Amino acid sequence: MRITVFRQKLADEFGDVRAEMLARDHVFSALGGRTVDEALEAGHPTKSIWRAVCDAFDIPAERR
């Protein structure tokens, strides 16, 4: 998944402002104690980051 697609999925799910805040500030244990932005910078695949977000926020399967 491209980063632009990933960012759009975040915005679609959480809204533009909350998606930016979540990516910058929320630490995910599934990402090794990193935020979304840190995980992207570290080279984590966007699909695994999206799965971590979905799991943490109980996003329904049809929107994953």
PDB file of N, CA and C in Angstrom:
ATOM      1  N   MET A   1       0.847  -1.164   0.000  1.00  0.00           N
ATOM      2  CA  MET A   1       0.000   0.000   0.000  1.00  0.00           C
ATOM      3  C   MET A   1       0.903   1.242   0.000  1.00  0.00           C
ATOM      4  N   ARG A   2       0.586   2.166  -0.862  1.00  0.00           N
ATOM      5  CA  ARG A   2       1.357   3.409  -0.931  1.00  0.00           C
ATOM      6  C   ARG A   2       1.053   4.281   0.287  1.00  0.00           C
ATOM      7  N   ILE A   3       2.021   5.111   0.640  1.00  0.00           N
ATOM      8  CA  ILE A   3       1.846   5.988   1.794  1.00  0.00           C
ATOM      9  C   ILE A   3       0.671   6.933   1.584  1.00  0.00           C
ATOM     10  N   THR A   4       0.480   7.416   0.366  1.00  0.00           N
ATOM     11  CA  THR A   4      -0.648   8.317   0.106  1.00  0.00           C
ATOM     12  C   THR A   4      -1.983   7.615   0.334  1.00  0.00           C
ATOM     13  N   VAL A   5      -2.074   6.361  -0.059  1.00  0.00           N
ATOM     14  CA  VAL A   5      -3.292   5.577   0.168  1.00  0.00           C
ATOM     15  C   VAL A   5      -3.480   5.356   1.671  1.00  0.00           C
ATOM     16  N   PHE A   6      -2.402   5.029   2.351  1.00  0.00           N
ATOM     17  CA  PHE A   6      -2.447   4.827   3.799  1.00  0.00           C
ATOM     18  C   PHE A   6      -2.939   6.088   4.508  1.00  0.00           C
ATOM     19  N   ARG A   7      -2.366   7.234   4.153  1.00  0.00           N
ATOM     20  CA  ARG A   7      -2.763   8.507   4.779  1.00  0.00           C
ATOM     21  C   ARG A   7      -4.239   8.815   4.494  1.00  0.00           C
ATOM     22  N   GLN A   8      -4.700   8.485   3.298  1.00  0.00           N
ATOM     23  CA  GLN A   8      -6.098   8.720   2.962  1.00  0.00           C
ATOM     24  C   GLN A   8      -7.015   7.822   3.786  1.00  0.00           C
ATOM     25  N   LYS A   9      -6.601   6.566   3.996  1.00  0.00           N
ATOM     26  CA  LYS A   9      -7.386   5.652   4.831  1.00  0.00           C
ATOM     27  C   LYS A   9      -7.499   6.194   6.260  1.00  0.00           C
ATOM     28  N   LEU A  10      -6.382   6.709   6.791  1.00  0.00           N
ATOM     29  CA  LEU A  10      -6.418   7.302   8.127  1.00  0.00           C
ATOM     30  C   LEU A  10      -7.396   8.474   8.171  1.00  0.00           C
ATOM     31  N   ALA A  11      -7.303   9.350   7.178  1.00  0.00           N
ATOM     32  CA  ALA A  11      -8.182  10.521   7.132  1.00  0.00           C
ATOM     33  C   ALA A  11      -9.642  10.119   6.972  1.00  0.00           C
ATOM     34  N   ASP A  12      -9.897   9.119   6.141  1.00  0.00           N
ATOM     35  CA  ASP A  12     -11.268   8.649   5.954  1.00  0.00           C
ATOM     36  C   ASP A  12     -11.844   8.086   7.248  1.00  0.00           C
ATOM     37  N   GLU A  13     -11.027   7.402   8.004  1.00  0.00           N
ATOM     38  CA  GLU A  13     -11.490   6.752   9.227  1.00  0.00           C
ATOM     39  C   GLU A  13     -11.614   7.726  10.396  1.00  0.00           C
ATOM     40  N   PHE A  14     -10.654   8.646  10.529  1.00  0.00           N
ATOM     41  CA  PHE A  14     -10.584   9.487  11.725  1.00  0.00           C
ATOM     42  C   PHE A  14     -10.828  10.976  11.470  1.00  0.00           C
ATOM     43  N   GLY A  15     -10.889  11.380  10.214  1.00  0.00           N
ATOM     44  CA  GLY A  15     -10.961  12.803   9.895  1.00  0.00           C
ATOM     45  C   GLY A  15      -9.546  13.347   9.748  1.00  0.00           C
ATOM     46  N   ASP A  16      -9.401  14.406   8.986  1.00  0.00           N
ATOM     47  CA  ASP A  16      -8.072  14.932   8.669  1.00  0.00           C
ATOM     48  C   ASP A  16      -7.258  15.307   9.901  1.00  0.00           C
ATOM     49  N   VAL A  17      -7.844  16.099  10.784  1.00  0.00           N
ATOM     50  CA  VAL A  17      -7.103  16.605  11.942  1.00  0.00           C
ATOM     51  C   VAL A  17      -6.754  15.481  12.906  1.00  0.00           C
ATOM     52  N   ARG A  18      -7.730  14.654  13.227  1.00  0.00           N
ATOM     53  CA  ARG A  18      -7.465  13.560  14.177  1.00  0.00           C
ATOM     54  C   ARG A  18      -6.473  12.555  13.588  1.00  0.00           C
ATOM     55  N   ALA A  19      -6.536  12.307  12.295  1.00  0.00           N
ATOM     56  CA  ALA A  19      -5.597  11.383  11.658  1.00  0.00           C
ATOM     57  C   ALA A  19      -4.161  11.890  11.791  1.00  0.00           C
ATOM     58  N   GLU A  20      -3.970  13.185  11.584  1.00  0.00           N
ATOM     59  CA  GLU A  20      -2.630  13.766  11.736  1.00  0.00           C
ATOM     60  C   GLU A  20      -2.144  13.656  13.170  1.00  0.00           C
ATOM     61  N   MET A  21      -3.029  13.971  14.124  1.00  0.00           N
ATOM     62  CA  MET A  21      -2.654  13.881  15.536  1.00  0.00           C
ATOM     63  C   MET A  21      -2.338  12.441  15.927  1.00  0.00           C
ATOM     64  N   LEU A  22      -3.160  11.508  15.473  1.00  0.00           N
ATOM     65  CA  LEU A  22      -2.945  10.101  15.787  1.00  0.00           C
ATOM     66  C   LEU A  22      -1.597   9.636  15.239  1.00  0.00           C
ATOM     67  N   ALA A  23      -1.299   9.979  13.999  1.00  0.00           N
ATOM     68  CA  ALA A  23      -0.052   9.554  13.364  1.00  0.00           C
ATOM     69  C   ALA A  23       1.163  10.135  14.079  1.00  0.00           C
ATOM     70  N   ARG A  24       1.014  11.329  14.583  1.00  0.00           N
ATOM     71  CA  ARG A  24       2.134  12.013  15.224  1.00  0.00           C
ATOM     72  C   ARG A  24       2.299  11.643  16.695  1.00  0.00           C
ATOM     73  N   ASP A  25       1.170  11.423  17.417  1.00  0.00           N
ATOM     74  CA  ASP A  25       1.224  11.354  18.881  1.00  0.00           C
ATOM     75  C   ASP A  25       0.917  10.003  19.513  1.00  0.00           C
ATOM     76  N   HIS A  26       0.111   9.169  18.875  1.00  0.00           N
ATOM     77  CA  HIS A  26      -0.315   7.912  19.508  1.00  0.00           C
ATOM     78  C   HIS A  26       0.762   6.840  19.350  1.00  0.00           C
ATOM     79  N   VAL A  27       1.207   6.299  20.469  1.00  0.00           N
ATOM     80  CA  VAL A  27       2.233   5.256  20.471  1.00  0.00           C
ATOM     81  C   VAL A  27       1.550   3.889  20.462  1.00  0.00           C
ATOM     82  N   PHE A  28       1.968   3.048  19.524  1.00  0.00           N
ATOM     83  CA  PHE A  28       1.389   1.712  19.365  1.00  0.00           C
ATOM     84  C   PHE A  28       2.394   0.659  19.823  1.00  0.00           C
ATOM     85  N   SER A  29       1.986  -0.179  20.757  1.00  0.00           N
ATOM     86  CA  SER A  29       2.876  -1.259  21.201  1.00  0.00           C
ATOM     87  C   SER A  29       3.150  -2.233  20.063  1.00  0.00           C
ATOM     88  N   ALA A  30       2.155  -2.421  19.177  1.00  0.00           N
ATOM     89  CA  ALA A  30       2.327  -3.341  18.047  1.00  0.00           C
ATOM     90  C   ALA A  30       3.368  -2.835  17.048  1.00  0.00           C
ATOM     91  N   LEU A  31       3.724  -1.564  17.156  1.00  0.00           N
ATOM     92  CA  LEU A  31       4.754  -0.997  16.273  1.00  0.00           C
ATOM     93  C   LEU A  31       6.061  -0.786  17.030  1.00  0.00           C
ATOM     94  N   GLY A  32       6.225  -1.536  18.097  1.00  0.00           N
ATOM     95  CA  GLY A  32       7.464  -1.447  18.865  1.00  0.00           C
ATOM     96  C   GLY A  32       7.581  -0.169  19.673  1.00  0.00           C
ATOM     97  N   GLY A  33       6.444   0.354  20.127  1.00  0.00           N
ATOM     98  CA  GLY A  33       6.469   1.577  20.906  1.00  0.00           C
ATOM     99  C   GLY A  33       6.685   2.816  20.057  1.00  0.00           C
ATOM    100  N   ARG A  34       6.289   2.735  18.804  1.00  0.00           N
ATOM    101  CA  ARG A  34       6.451   3.865  17.880  1.00  0.00           C
ATOM    102  C   ARG A  34       5.095   4.457  17.520  1.00  0.00           C
ATOM    103  N   THR A  35       5.139   5.686  17.067  1.00  0.00           N
ATOM    104  CA  THR A  35       3.962   6.295  16.466  1.00  0.00           C
ATOM    105  C   THR A  35       3.891   5.847  15.011  1.00  0.00           C
ATOM    106  N   VAL A  36       2.803   6.170  14.346  1.00  0.00           N
ATOM    107  CA  VAL A  36       2.675   5.862  12.917  1.00  0.00           C
ATOM    108  C   VAL A  36       3.802   6.540  12.136  1.00  0.00           C
ATOM    109  N   ASP A  37       4.021   7.830  12.413  1.00  0.00           N
ATOM    110  CA  ASP A  37       5.060   8.565  11.687  1.00  0.00           C
ATOM    111  C   ASP A  37       6.444   7.958  11.914  1.00  0.00           C
ATOM    112  N   GLU A  38       6.733   7.585  13.150  1.00  0.00           N
ATOM    113  CA  GLU A  38       8.024   6.964  13.454  1.00  0.00           C
ATOM    114  C   GLU A  38       8.169   5.616  12.764  1.00  0.00           C
ATOM    115  N   ALA A  39       7.082   4.835  12.745  1.00  0.00           N
ATOM    116  CA  ALA A  39       7.126   3.529  12.083  1.00  0.00           C
ATOM    117  C   ALA A  39       7.355   3.688  10.579  1.00  0.00           C
ATOM    118  N   LEU A  40       6.712   4.680   9.975  1.00  0.00           N
ATOM    119  CA  LEU A  40       6.938   4.933   8.552  1.00  0.00           C
ATOM    120  C   LEU A  40       8.383   5.324   8.290  1.00  0.00           C
ATOM    121  N   GLU A  41       8.913   6.202   9.120  1.00  0.00           N
ATOM    122  CA  GLU A  41      10.308   6.625   8.974  1.00  0.00           C
ATOM    123  C   GLU A  41      11.273   5.464   9.165  1.00  0.00           C
ATOM    124  N   ALA A  42      10.905   4.520  10.024  1.00  0.00           N
ATOM    125  CA  ALA A  42      11.761   3.359  10.286  1.00  0.00           C
ATOM    126  C   ALA A  42      11.655   2.303   9.190  1.00  0.00           C
ATOM    127  N   GLY A  43      10.735   2.510   8.243  1.00  0.00           N
ATOM    128  CA  GLY A  43      10.617   1.586   7.129  1.00  0.00           C
ATOM    129  C   GLY A  43       9.627   0.456   7.298  1.00  0.00           C
ATOM    130  N   HIS A  44       8.776   0.545   8.315  1.00  0.00           N
ATOM    131  CA  HIS A  44       7.746  -0.488   8.477  1.00  0.00           C
ATOM    132  C   HIS A  44       6.794  -0.455   7.281  1.00  0.00           C
ATOM    133  N   PRO A  45       6.339  -1.601   6.820  1.00  0.00           N
ATOM    134  CA  PRO A  45       5.377  -1.625   5.711  1.00  0.00           C
ATOM    135  C   PRO A  45       4.061  -0.959   6.120  1.00  0.00           C
ATOM    136  N   THR A  46       3.494  -0.195   5.216  1.00  0.00           N
ATOM    137  CA  THR A  46       2.255   0.511   5.529  1.00  0.00           C
ATOM    138  C   THR A  46       1.117  -0.442   5.868  1.00  0.00           C
ATOM    139  N   LYS A  47       1.096  -1.611   5.245  1.00  0.00           N
ATOM    140  CA  LYS A  47       0.030  -2.587   5.557  1.00  0.00           C
ATOM    141  C   LYS A  47       0.096  -3.023   7.014  1.00  0.00           C
ATOM    142  N   SER A  48       1.295  -3.263   7.529  1.00  0.00           N
ATOM    143  CA  SER A  48       1.401  -3.695   8.925  1.00  0.00           C
ATOM    144  C   SER A  48       1.065  -2.546   9.873  1.00  0.00           C
ATOM    145  N   ILE A  49       1.376  -1.322   9.488  1.00  0.00           N
ATOM    146  CA  ILE A  49       1.012  -0.172  10.310  1.00  0.00           C
ATOM    147  C   ILE A  49      -0.506  -0.012  10.318  1.00  0.00           C
ATOM    148  N   TRP A  50      -1.128  -0.146   9.151  1.00  0.00           N
ATOM    149  CA  TRP A  50      -2.587  -0.031   9.071  1.00  0.00           C
ATOM    150  C   TRP A  50      -3.257  -1.105   9.913  1.00  0.00           C
ATOM    151  N   ARG A  51      -2.726  -2.330   9.886  1.00  0.00           N
ATOM    152  CA  ARG A  51      -3.282  -3.407  10.715  1.00  0.00           C
ATOM    153  C   ARG A  51      -3.185  -3.051  12.194  1.00  0.00           C
ATOM    154  N   ALA A  52      -2.052  -2.486  12.598  1.00  0.00           N
ATOM    155  CA  ALA A  52      -1.877  -2.095  14.003  1.00  0.00           C
ATOM    156  C   ALA A  52      -2.896  -1.033  14.406  1.00  0.00           C
ATOM    157  N   VAL A  53      -3.130  -0.055  13.536  1.00  0.00           N
ATOM    158  CA  VAL A  53      -4.127   0.986  13.805  1.00  0.00           C
ATOM    159  C   VAL A  53      -5.514   0.352  13.907  1.00  0.00           C
ATOM    160  N   CYS A  54      -5.844  -0.503  12.962  1.00  0.00           N
ATOM    161  CA  CYS A  54      -7.155  -1.163  12.954  1.00  0.00           C
ATOM    162  C   CYS A  54      -7.378  -1.980  14.212  1.00  0.00           C
ATOM    163  N   ASP A  55      -6.365  -2.722  14.622  1.00  0.00           N
ATOM    164  CA  ASP A  55      -6.484  -3.541  15.829  1.00  0.00           C
ATOM    165  C   ASP A  55      -6.642  -2.670  17.072  1.00  0.00           C
ATOM    166  N   ALA A  56      -5.874  -1.605  17.163  1.00  0.00           N
ATOM    167  CA  ALA A  56      -5.907  -0.747  18.343  1.00  0.00           C
ATOM    168  C   ALA A  56      -7.241  -0.018  18.487  1.00  0.00           C
ATOM    169  N   PHE A  57      -7.868   0.309  17.369  1.00  0.00           N
ATOM    170  CA  PHE A  57      -9.099   1.090  17.409  1.00  0.00           C
ATOM    171  C   PHE A  57     -10.338   0.286  17.001  1.00  0.00           C
ATOM    172  N   ASP A  58     -10.197  -1.034  16.948  1.00  0.00           N
ATOM    173  CA  ASP A  58     -11.322  -1.926  16.625  1.00  0.00           C
ATOM    174  C   ASP A  58     -12.085  -1.505  15.373  1.00  0.00           C
ATOM    175  N   ILE A  59     -11.344  -1.214  14.326  1.00  0.00           N
ATOM    176  CA  ILE A  59     -11.956  -0.849  13.055  1.00  0.00           C
ATOM    177  C   ILE A  59     -12.559  -2.120  12.435  1.00  0.00           C
ATOM    178  N   PRO A  60     -13.815  -2.053  12.027  1.00  0.00           N
ATOM    179  CA  PRO A  60     -14.478  -3.243  11.464  1.00  0.00           C
ATOM    180  C   PRO A  60     -13.767  -3.776  10.218  1.00  0.00           C
ATOM    181  N   ALA A  61     -13.884  -5.064  10.020  1.00  0.00           N
ATOM    182  CA  ALA A  61     -13.192  -5.753   8.920  1.00  0.00           C
ATOM    183  C   ALA A  61     -13.504  -5.147   7.561  1.00  0.00           C
ATOM    184  N   GLU A  62     -14.727  -4.692   7.347  1.00  0.00           N
ATOM    185  CA  GLU A  62     -15.087  -4.165   6.027  1.00  0.00           C
ATOM    186  C   GLU A  62     -14.387  -2.843   5.704  1.00  0.00           C
ATOM    187  N   ARG A  63     -13.797  -2.179   6.724  1.00  0.00           N
ATOM    188  CA  ARG A  63     -13.074  -0.925   6.473  1.00  0.00           C
ATOM    189  C   ARG A  63     -11.573  -1.089   6.604  1.00  0.00           C
ATOM    190  N   ARG A  64     -11.108  -2.314   6.771  1.00  0.00           N
ATOM    191  CA  ARG A  64      -9.665  -2.528   6.938  1.00  0.00           C
ATOM    192  C   ARG A  64      -8.947  -2.567   5.636  1.00  0.00           C
TER     193      ARG A  64
END
